[in-house]
Amino acid sequence: MANLNKVLLMGNMTRDPQLTYLPSQTPVVEFGLAINRKYKKQDGTMAEDTCYVDCRMFGKRAETVNKYFKKGDPIFVEGRLQYDAWEKDGKKQSRLRVFVENFEFLGKGGGHGGAGGGPAAPAGAESGPDVSYGSGGPDDDIPF
């Protein structure tokens, strides 16, 4: 039987990202994500639920998240679920955590099309293809 473990979430950071390094000097960032859900109850009133998720990310992207994000910032993450279980003071504890494999910057209420493209892109990030027209460009046939 085939298996799939894929999570797509869009929400706001609940705390500033916390960057640490493994003994191998691999960067690791941890942050919380709050995902809000608005819905209409049976009696017609509006209600809102919030789901809080712990996230962890490794590598160069972890350093990028740490550098450009802070508490309250919107982010879109893609990853997989990981179940952690441990015992503390004789009590069994567990949690599901998202191991983030990819992320997208989201504009802060910008409406700049798509799932991102807002002003939050880091310096040096590509904003689109570098297009320069010389002879034979698309404007050569325009008479004005």
N, C-alpha and C. Protein backbone atom coordinates (compact mmCIF):
# COMPACT_ATOMS: atom_id res chain seq x y z
N MET A 1 0.84 -1.18 0.00
CA MET A 1 0.00 0.00 0.00
C MET A 1 0.88 1.24 0.00
N ALA A 2 0.51 2.23 -0.78
CA ALA A 2 1.27 3.47 -0.86
C ALA A 2 1.06 4.31 0.40
N ASN A 3 2.04 5.13 0.73
CA ASN A 3 1.98 6.02 1.89
C ASN A 3 2.28 7.44 1.46
N LEU A 4 1.68 8.38 2.16
CA LEU A 4 1.94 9.79 1.89
C LEU A 4 1.88 10.55 3.20
N ASN A 5 2.90 11.33 3.49
CA ASN A 5 2.95 12.16 4.68
C ASN A 5 3.33 13.56 4.22
N LYS A 6 2.34 14.37 3.92
CA LYS A 6 2.57 15.72 3.39
C LYS A 6 1.62 16.69 4.07
N VAL A 7 2.15 17.83 4.50
CA VAL A 7 1.38 18.84 5.20
C VAL A 7 1.62 20.18 4.54
N LEU A 8 0.53 20.91 4.27
CA LEU A 8 0.61 22.28 3.76
C LEU A 8 -0.13 23.16 4.76
N LEU A 9 0.55 24.16 5.30
CA LEU A 9 -0.05 25.04 6.30
C LEU A 9 0.28 26.49 5.99
N MET A 10 -0.67 27.37 6.28
CA MET A 10 -0.45 28.79 6.14
C MET A 10 -0.99 29.44 7.40
N GLY A 11 -0.13 30.19 8.07
CA GLY A 11 -0.54 30.83 9.31
C GLY A 11 0.47 31.87 9.74
N ASN A 12 0.37 32.27 11.00
CA ASN A 12 1.27 33.28 11.55
C ASN A 12 2.16 32.67 12.62
N MET A 13 3.39 33.17 12.70
CA MET A 13 4.33 32.67 13.70
C MET A 13 3.88 33.10 15.10
N THR A 14 3.89 32.16 16.03
CA THR A 14 3.47 32.46 17.39
C THR A 14 4.62 32.96 18.26
N ARG A 15 5.83 32.80 17.80
CA ARG A 15 7.01 33.28 18.53
C ARG A 15 8.14 33.49 17.53
N ASP A 16 9.14 34.23 17.95
CA ASP A 16 10.31 34.41 17.10
C ASP A 16 10.98 33.06 16.86
N PRO A 17 11.49 32.83 15.65
CA PRO A 17 12.21 31.58 15.38
C PRO A 17 13.43 31.45 16.29
N GLN A 18 13.72 30.22 16.71
CA GLN A 18 14.87 29.96 17.58
C GLN A 18 15.86 29.09 16.83
N LEU A 19 17.01 29.68 16.51
CA LEU A 19 18.04 28.99 15.72
C LEU A 19 19.08 28.35 16.64
N THR A 20 19.36 27.07 16.39
CA THR A 20 20.44 26.37 17.07
C THR A 20 21.22 25.59 16.02
N TYR A 21 22.30 24.97 16.44
CA TYR A 21 23.12 24.18 15.53
C TYR A 21 23.36 22.80 16.12
N LEU A 22 23.27 21.78 15.27
CA LEU A 22 23.61 20.42 15.68
C LEU A 22 25.12 20.32 15.85
N PRO A 23 25.62 19.27 16.50
CA PRO A 23 27.07 19.10 16.60
C PRO A 23 27.77 19.08 15.24
N SER A 24 27.04 18.69 14.20
CA SER A 24 27.61 18.67 12.86
C SER A 24 27.56 20.07 12.21
N GLN A 25 27.16 21.07 12.97
CA GLN A 25 27.02 22.46 12.51
C GLN A 25 25.87 22.67 11.53
N THR A 26 24.94 21.74 11.48
CA THR A 26 23.74 21.89 10.68
C THR A 26 22.77 22.83 11.40
N PRO A 27 22.32 23.90 10.74
CA PRO A 27 21.37 24.82 11.39
C PRO A 27 20.00 24.16 11.58
N VAL A 28 19.38 24.46 12.71
CA VAL A 28 18.03 23.98 13.03
C VAL A 28 17.25 25.16 13.57
N VAL A 29 16.07 25.39 13.01
CA VAL A 29 15.22 26.46 13.52
C VAL A 29 13.90 25.86 13.98
N GLU A 30 13.40 26.35 15.10
CA GLU A 30 12.10 25.93 15.61
C GLU A 30 11.21 27.15 15.77
N PHE A 31 9.95 26.98 15.42
CA PHE A 31 8.99 28.07 15.57
C PHE A 31 7.60 27.49 15.71
N GLY A 32 6.69 28.28 16.23
CA GLY A 32 5.30 27.88 16.35
C GLY A 32 4.48 28.56 15.27
N LEU A 33 3.42 27.90 14.88
CA LEU A 33 2.54 28.42 13.84
C LEU A 33 1.10 28.38 14.36
N ALA A 34 0.37 29.46 14.15
CA ALA A 34 -1.05 29.51 14.50
C ALA A 34 -1.86 29.58 13.22
N ILE A 35 -2.78 28.65 13.06
CA ILE A 35 -3.63 28.60 11.88
C ILE A 35 -5.06 28.86 12.33
N ASN A 36 -5.67 29.92 11.83
CA ASN A 36 -7.03 30.29 12.22
C ASN A 36 -8.05 29.73 11.23
N ARG A 37 -9.19 29.34 11.77
CA ARG A 37 -10.29 28.82 10.96
C ARG A 37 -11.57 29.51 11.39
N LYS A 38 -12.21 30.18 10.45
CA LYS A 38 -13.49 30.83 10.73
C LYS A 38 -14.59 29.99 10.09
N TYR A 39 -15.70 29.85 10.83
CA TYR A 39 -16.80 29.05 10.31
C TYR A 39 -18.12 29.55 10.92
N LYS A 40 -19.20 29.13 10.30
CA LYS A 40 -20.53 29.50 10.77
C LYS A 40 -21.11 28.33 11.55
N LYS A 41 -21.56 28.60 12.75
CA LYS A 41 -22.19 27.58 13.59
C LYS A 41 -23.60 27.29 13.10
N GLN A 42 -24.22 26.25 13.64
CA GLN A 42 -25.57 25.88 13.25
C GLN A 42 -26.58 26.98 13.54
N ASP A 43 -26.33 27.77 14.60
CA ASP A 43 -27.27 28.85 14.94
C ASP A 43 -27.04 30.11 14.11
N GLY A 44 -26.09 30.07 13.16
CA GLY A 44 -25.85 31.19 12.26
C GLY A 44 -24.78 32.16 12.71
N THR A 45 -24.28 32.03 13.94
CA THR A 45 -23.24 32.93 14.42
C THR A 45 -21.88 32.46 13.91
N MET A 46 -20.98 33.39 13.78
CA MET A 46 -19.62 33.08 13.33
C MET A 46 -18.77 32.68 14.52
N ALA A 47 -17.88 31.74 14.30
CA ALA A 47 -16.96 31.29 15.33
C ALA A 47 -15.57 31.15 14.72
N GLU A 48 -14.57 31.09 15.58
CA GLU A 48 -13.19 30.96 15.12
C GLU A 48 -12.43 29.99 16.01
N ASP A 49 -11.69 29.10 15.39
CA ASP A 49 -10.81 28.17 16.09
C ASP A 49 -9.38 28.46 15.67
N THR A 50 -8.45 28.22 16.58
CA THR A 50 -7.04 28.37 16.25
C THR A 50 -6.33 27.06 16.55
N CYS A 51 -5.54 26.60 15.59
CA CYS A 51 -4.74 25.39 15.75
C CYS A 51 -3.28 25.82 15.87
N TYR A 52 -2.61 25.37 16.91
CA TYR A 52 -1.21 25.71 17.14
C TYR A 52 -0.34 24.52 16.78
N VAL A 53 0.71 24.76 16.00
CA VAL A 53 1.56 23.68 15.50
C VAL A 53 3.02 24.04 15.74
N ASP A 54 3.79 23.09 16.26
CA ASP A 54 5.24 23.26 16.40
C ASP A 54 5.91 22.84 15.09
N CYS A 55 6.88 23.63 14.66
CA CYS A 55 7.58 23.37 13.40
C CYS A 55 9.09 23.34 13.64
N ARG A 56 9.76 22.52 12.83
CA ARG A 56 11.23 22.42 12.87
C ARG A 56 11.73 22.35 11.44
N MET A 57 12.86 23.02 11.19
CA MET A 57 13.44 23.06 9.85
C MET A 57 14.96 22.99 9.96
N PHE A 58 15.58 22.34 8.97
CA PHE A 58 17.03 22.15 8.98
C PHE A 58 17.67 22.83 7.77
N GLY A 59 18.97 23.08 7.88
CA GLY A 59 19.77 23.53 6.73
C GLY A 59 19.76 25.03 6.51
N LYS A 60 20.20 25.40 5.32
CA LYS A 60 20.33 26.81 4.95
C LYS A 60 18.99 27.54 5.04
N ARG A 61 17.91 26.86 4.69
CA ARG A 61 16.59 27.48 4.77
C ARG A 61 16.23 27.83 6.21
N ALA A 62 16.73 27.06 7.17
CA ALA A 62 16.49 27.36 8.58
C ALA A 62 17.10 28.71 8.94
N GLU A 63 18.30 28.97 8.43
CA GLU A 63 18.94 30.27 8.69
C GLU A 63 18.16 31.41 8.03
N THR A 64 17.59 31.15 6.86
CA THR A 64 16.79 32.16 6.17
C THR A 64 15.53 32.49 6.96
N VAL A 65 14.84 31.46 7.46
CA VAL A 65 13.65 31.69 8.28
C VAL A 65 14.02 32.49 9.52
N ASN A 66 15.12 32.14 10.16
CA ASN A 66 15.54 32.85 11.36
C ASN A 66 15.86 34.32 11.06
N LYS A 67 16.43 34.57 9.90
CA LYS A 67 16.86 35.93 9.55
C LYS A 67 15.69 36.84 9.17
N TYR A 68 14.70 36.33 8.45
CA TYR A 68 13.68 37.18 7.87
C TYR A 68 12.31 37.12 8.53
N PHE A 69 12.09 36.24 9.50
CA PHE A 69 10.78 36.12 10.12
C PHE A 69 10.85 36.46 11.60
N LYS A 70 9.70 36.92 12.12
CA LYS A 70 9.57 37.19 13.55
C LYS A 70 8.14 36.87 13.97
N LYS A 71 7.89 36.94 15.25
CA LYS A 71 6.57 36.65 15.79
C LYS A 71 5.51 37.48 15.06
N GLY A 72 4.42 36.81 14.66
CA GLY A 72 3.31 37.47 13.99
C GLY A 72 3.38 37.45 12.48
N ASP A 73 4.54 37.14 11.91
CA ASP A 73 4.69 37.15 10.46
C ASP A 73 3.95 35.97 9.83
N PRO A 74 3.31 36.19 8.68
CA PRO A 74 2.66 35.09 7.97
C PRO A 74 3.68 34.26 7.20
N ILE A 75 3.42 32.96 7.11
CA ILE A 75 4.33 32.06 6.40
C ILE A 75 3.51 30.88 5.87
N PHE A 76 3.92 30.36 4.73
CA PHE A 76 3.35 29.15 4.15
C PHE A 76 4.41 28.08 4.24
N VAL A 77 4.09 26.93 4.86
CA VAL A 77 5.06 25.86 5.00
C VAL A 77 4.55 24.58 4.36
N GLU A 78 5.50 23.79 3.89
CA GLU A 78 5.24 22.47 3.33
C GLU A 78 6.18 21.50 4.02
N GLY A 79 5.66 20.39 4.49
CA GLY A 79 6.51 19.45 5.19
C GLY A 79 5.83 18.14 5.46
N ARG A 80 6.28 17.48 6.53
CA ARG A 80 5.74 16.18 6.90
C ARG A 80 5.53 16.14 8.40
N LEU A 81 4.62 15.29 8.84
CA LEU A 81 4.35 15.13 10.27
C LEU A 81 5.33 14.14 10.88
N GLN A 82 5.75 14.44 12.10
CA GLN A 82 6.63 13.54 12.86
C GLN A 82 6.05 13.40 14.26
N TYR A 83 5.86 12.18 14.71
CA TYR A 83 5.33 11.91 16.05
C TYR A 83 6.49 11.73 17.02
N ASP A 84 6.49 12.53 18.09
CA ASP A 84 7.52 12.41 19.13
C ASP A 84 6.85 11.96 20.42
N ALA A 85 7.46 10.99 21.11
CA ALA A 85 6.95 10.52 22.39
C ALA A 85 8.12 10.44 23.37
N TRP A 86 7.88 10.83 24.64
CA TRP A 86 8.90 10.79 25.67
C TRP A 86 8.22 10.68 27.03
N GLU A 87 9.03 10.46 28.04
CA GLU A 87 8.52 10.35 29.39
C GLU A 87 9.18 11.42 30.24
N LYS A 88 8.36 12.17 30.99
CA LYS A 88 8.87 13.23 31.85
C LYS A 88 8.21 13.10 33.21
N ASP A 89 9.02 12.97 34.24
CA ASP A 89 8.52 12.80 35.61
C ASP A 89 7.54 11.64 35.72
N GLY A 90 7.82 10.56 35.00
CA GLY A 90 6.98 9.38 35.05
C GLY A 90 5.71 9.46 34.21
N LYS A 91 5.49 10.58 33.53
CA LYS A 91 4.31 10.73 32.69
C LYS A 91 4.69 10.65 31.23
N LYS A 92 3.91 9.88 30.49
CA LYS A 92 4.15 9.80 29.05
C LYS A 92 3.60 11.04 28.37
N GLN A 93 4.40 11.60 27.50
CA GLN A 93 4.00 12.78 26.75
C GLN A 93 4.28 12.55 25.27
N SER A 94 3.53 13.25 24.43
CA SER A 94 3.73 13.11 22.99
C SER A 94 3.27 14.37 22.28
N ARG A 95 3.69 14.49 21.02
CA ARG A 95 3.24 15.60 20.18
C ARG A 95 3.50 15.27 18.73
N LEU A 96 2.71 15.90 17.89
CA LEU A 96 2.95 15.88 16.45
C LEU A 96 3.66 17.18 16.10
N ARG A 97 4.68 17.09 15.31
CA ARG A 97 5.44 18.26 14.90
C ARG A 97 5.56 18.23 13.38
N VAL A 98 5.62 19.39 12.76
CA VAL A 98 5.81 19.48 11.32
C VAL A 98 7.30 19.70 11.05
N PHE A 99 7.88 18.80 10.27
CA PHE A 99 9.25 18.99 9.80
C PHE A 99 9.14 19.70 8.45
N VAL A 100 9.49 20.97 8.45
CA VAL A 100 9.31 21.81 7.28
C VAL A 100 10.39 21.50 6.25
N GLU A 101 9.95 21.25 5.04
CA GLU A 101 10.87 20.97 3.94
C GLU A 101 10.99 22.15 2.99
N ASN A 102 9.95 23.00 2.96
CA ASN A 102 9.95 24.16 2.08
C ASN A 102 9.04 25.21 2.69
N PHE A 103 9.26 26.47 2.34
CA PHE A 103 8.41 27.54 2.84
C PHE A 103 8.31 28.63 1.79
N GLU A 104 7.32 29.50 1.96
CA GLU A 104 7.13 30.65 1.08
C GLU A 104 6.90 31.88 1.93
N PHE A 105 7.49 32.99 1.50
CA PHE A 105 7.20 34.28 2.11
C PHE A 105 5.80 34.69 1.70
N LEU A 106 5.04 35.28 2.62
CA LEU A 106 3.73 35.82 2.31
C LEU A 106 3.77 37.31 2.59
N GLY A 107 3.12 38.08 1.73
CA GLY A 107 3.03 39.52 1.97
C GLY A 107 2.15 39.77 3.17
N LYS A 108 2.34 40.89 3.80
CA LYS A 108 1.55 41.24 4.98
C LYS A 108 0.28 41.94 4.55
N GLY A 109 -0.71 41.15 4.12
CA GLY A 109 -1.98 41.70 3.69
C GLY A 109 -1.90 42.40 2.34
N GLY A 110 -0.89 42.04 1.55
CA GLY A 110 -0.63 42.77 0.33
C GLY A 110 -1.56 42.50 -0.82
N GLY A 111 -2.03 41.31 -1.01
CA GLY A 111 -2.86 41.00 -2.16
C GLY A 111 -2.09 41.15 -3.46
N HIS A 112 -0.82 40.78 -3.46
CA HIS A 112 0.03 40.91 -4.64
C HIS A 112 -0.01 39.67 -5.50
N GLY A 113 -1.09 38.96 -5.47
CA GLY A 113 -1.27 37.80 -6.35
C GLY A 113 -0.62 36.55 -5.80
N GLY A 114 -1.30 35.45 -5.96
CA GLY A 114 -0.76 34.15 -5.57
C GLY A 114 -0.60 34.03 -4.07
N ALA A 115 0.26 33.09 -3.68
CA ALA A 115 0.46 32.82 -2.26
C ALA A 115 1.60 33.62 -1.68
N GLY A 116 2.22 34.46 -2.42
CA GLY A 116 3.34 35.23 -1.89
C GLY A 116 3.52 36.48 -2.71
N GLY A 117 4.75 36.87 -2.88
CA GLY A 117 5.05 38.00 -3.73
C GLY A 117 4.92 39.33 -3.04
N GLY A 118 4.69 39.34 -1.73
CA GLY A 118 4.59 40.59 -1.01
C GLY A 118 5.95 41.20 -0.81
N PRO A 119 6.03 42.26 -0.02
CA PRO A 119 7.29 42.96 0.18
C PRO A 119 8.26 42.22 1.08
N ALA A 120 7.91 41.02 1.55
CA ALA A 120 8.75 40.34 2.52
C ALA A 120 9.88 39.53 1.91
N ALA A 121 10.09 39.59 0.62
CA ALA A 121 11.15 38.79 -0.01
C ALA A 121 12.52 39.28 0.45
N PRO A 122 13.46 38.37 0.70
CA PRO A 122 14.77 38.76 1.19
C PRO A 122 15.58 39.45 0.11
N ALA A 123 16.55 40.22 0.58
CA ALA A 123 17.45 40.87 -0.37
C ALA A 123 18.20 39.80 -1.14
N GLY A 124 18.35 39.98 -2.41
CA GLY A 124 19.06 39.02 -3.24
C GLY A 124 18.16 37.93 -3.79
N ALA A 125 16.90 37.90 -3.37
CA ALA A 125 16.00 36.89 -3.89
C ALA A 125 15.56 37.30 -5.29
N GLU A 126 15.34 36.32 -6.13
CA GLU A 126 14.90 36.61 -7.48
C GLU A 126 13.47 37.10 -7.47
N SER A 127 13.22 38.19 -8.17
CA SER A 127 11.85 38.68 -8.26
C SER A 127 11.22 38.29 -9.58
N GLY A 128 11.97 37.69 -10.45
CA GLY A 128 11.45 37.26 -11.73
C GLY A 128 12.60 37.06 -12.68
N PRO A 129 12.32 36.61 -13.88
CA PRO A 129 13.40 36.37 -14.81
C PRO A 129 14.04 37.69 -15.25
N ASP A 130 15.33 37.66 -15.50
CA ASP A 130 16.05 38.82 -15.98
C ASP A 130 15.88 38.86 -17.49
N VAL A 131 15.03 39.77 -17.95
CA VAL A 131 14.72 39.85 -19.37
C VAL A 131 15.28 41.16 -19.91
N SER A 132 16.13 41.07 -20.91
CA SER A 132 16.60 42.27 -21.59
C SER A 132 16.45 42.03 -23.08
N TYR A 133 15.91 43.01 -23.77
CA TYR A 133 15.64 42.86 -25.19
C TYR A 133 16.67 43.64 -25.98
N GLY A 134 17.26 42.97 -26.93
CA GLY A 134 18.16 43.63 -27.86
C GLY A 134 17.47 43.63 -29.21
N SER A 135 18.26 43.54 -30.27
CA SER A 135 17.64 43.46 -31.58
C SER A 135 16.89 42.14 -31.68
N GLY A 136 15.77 42.17 -32.32
CA GLY A 136 14.96 40.96 -32.45
C GLY A 136 14.03 40.76 -31.29
N GLY A 137 13.91 41.76 -30.39
CA GLY A 137 13.01 41.66 -29.24
C GLY A 137 11.57 41.79 -29.68
N PRO A 138 10.65 41.68 -28.75
CA PRO A 138 9.23 41.67 -29.09
C PRO A 138 8.72 43.02 -29.57
N ASP A 139 9.42 44.12 -29.33
CA ASP A 139 8.95 45.44 -29.73
C ASP A 139 9.38 45.83 -31.14
N ASP A 140 10.16 45.00 -31.85
CA ASP A 140 10.67 45.37 -33.17
C ASP A 140 9.57 45.55 -34.20
N ASP A 141 8.44 44.89 -34.08
CA ASP A 141 7.37 44.99 -35.06
C ASP A 141 6.38 46.11 -34.76
N ILE A 142 6.52 46.78 -33.59
CA ILE A 142 5.59 47.84 -33.23
C ILE A 142 6.00 49.13 -33.95
N PRO A 143 5.06 49.79 -34.68
CA PRO A 143 5.42 50.94 -35.51
C PRO A 143 5.62 52.23 -34.73
N PHE A 144 5.44 52.29 -33.47
CA PHE A 144 5.60 53.56 -32.75
C PHE A 144 6.64 53.46 -31.67
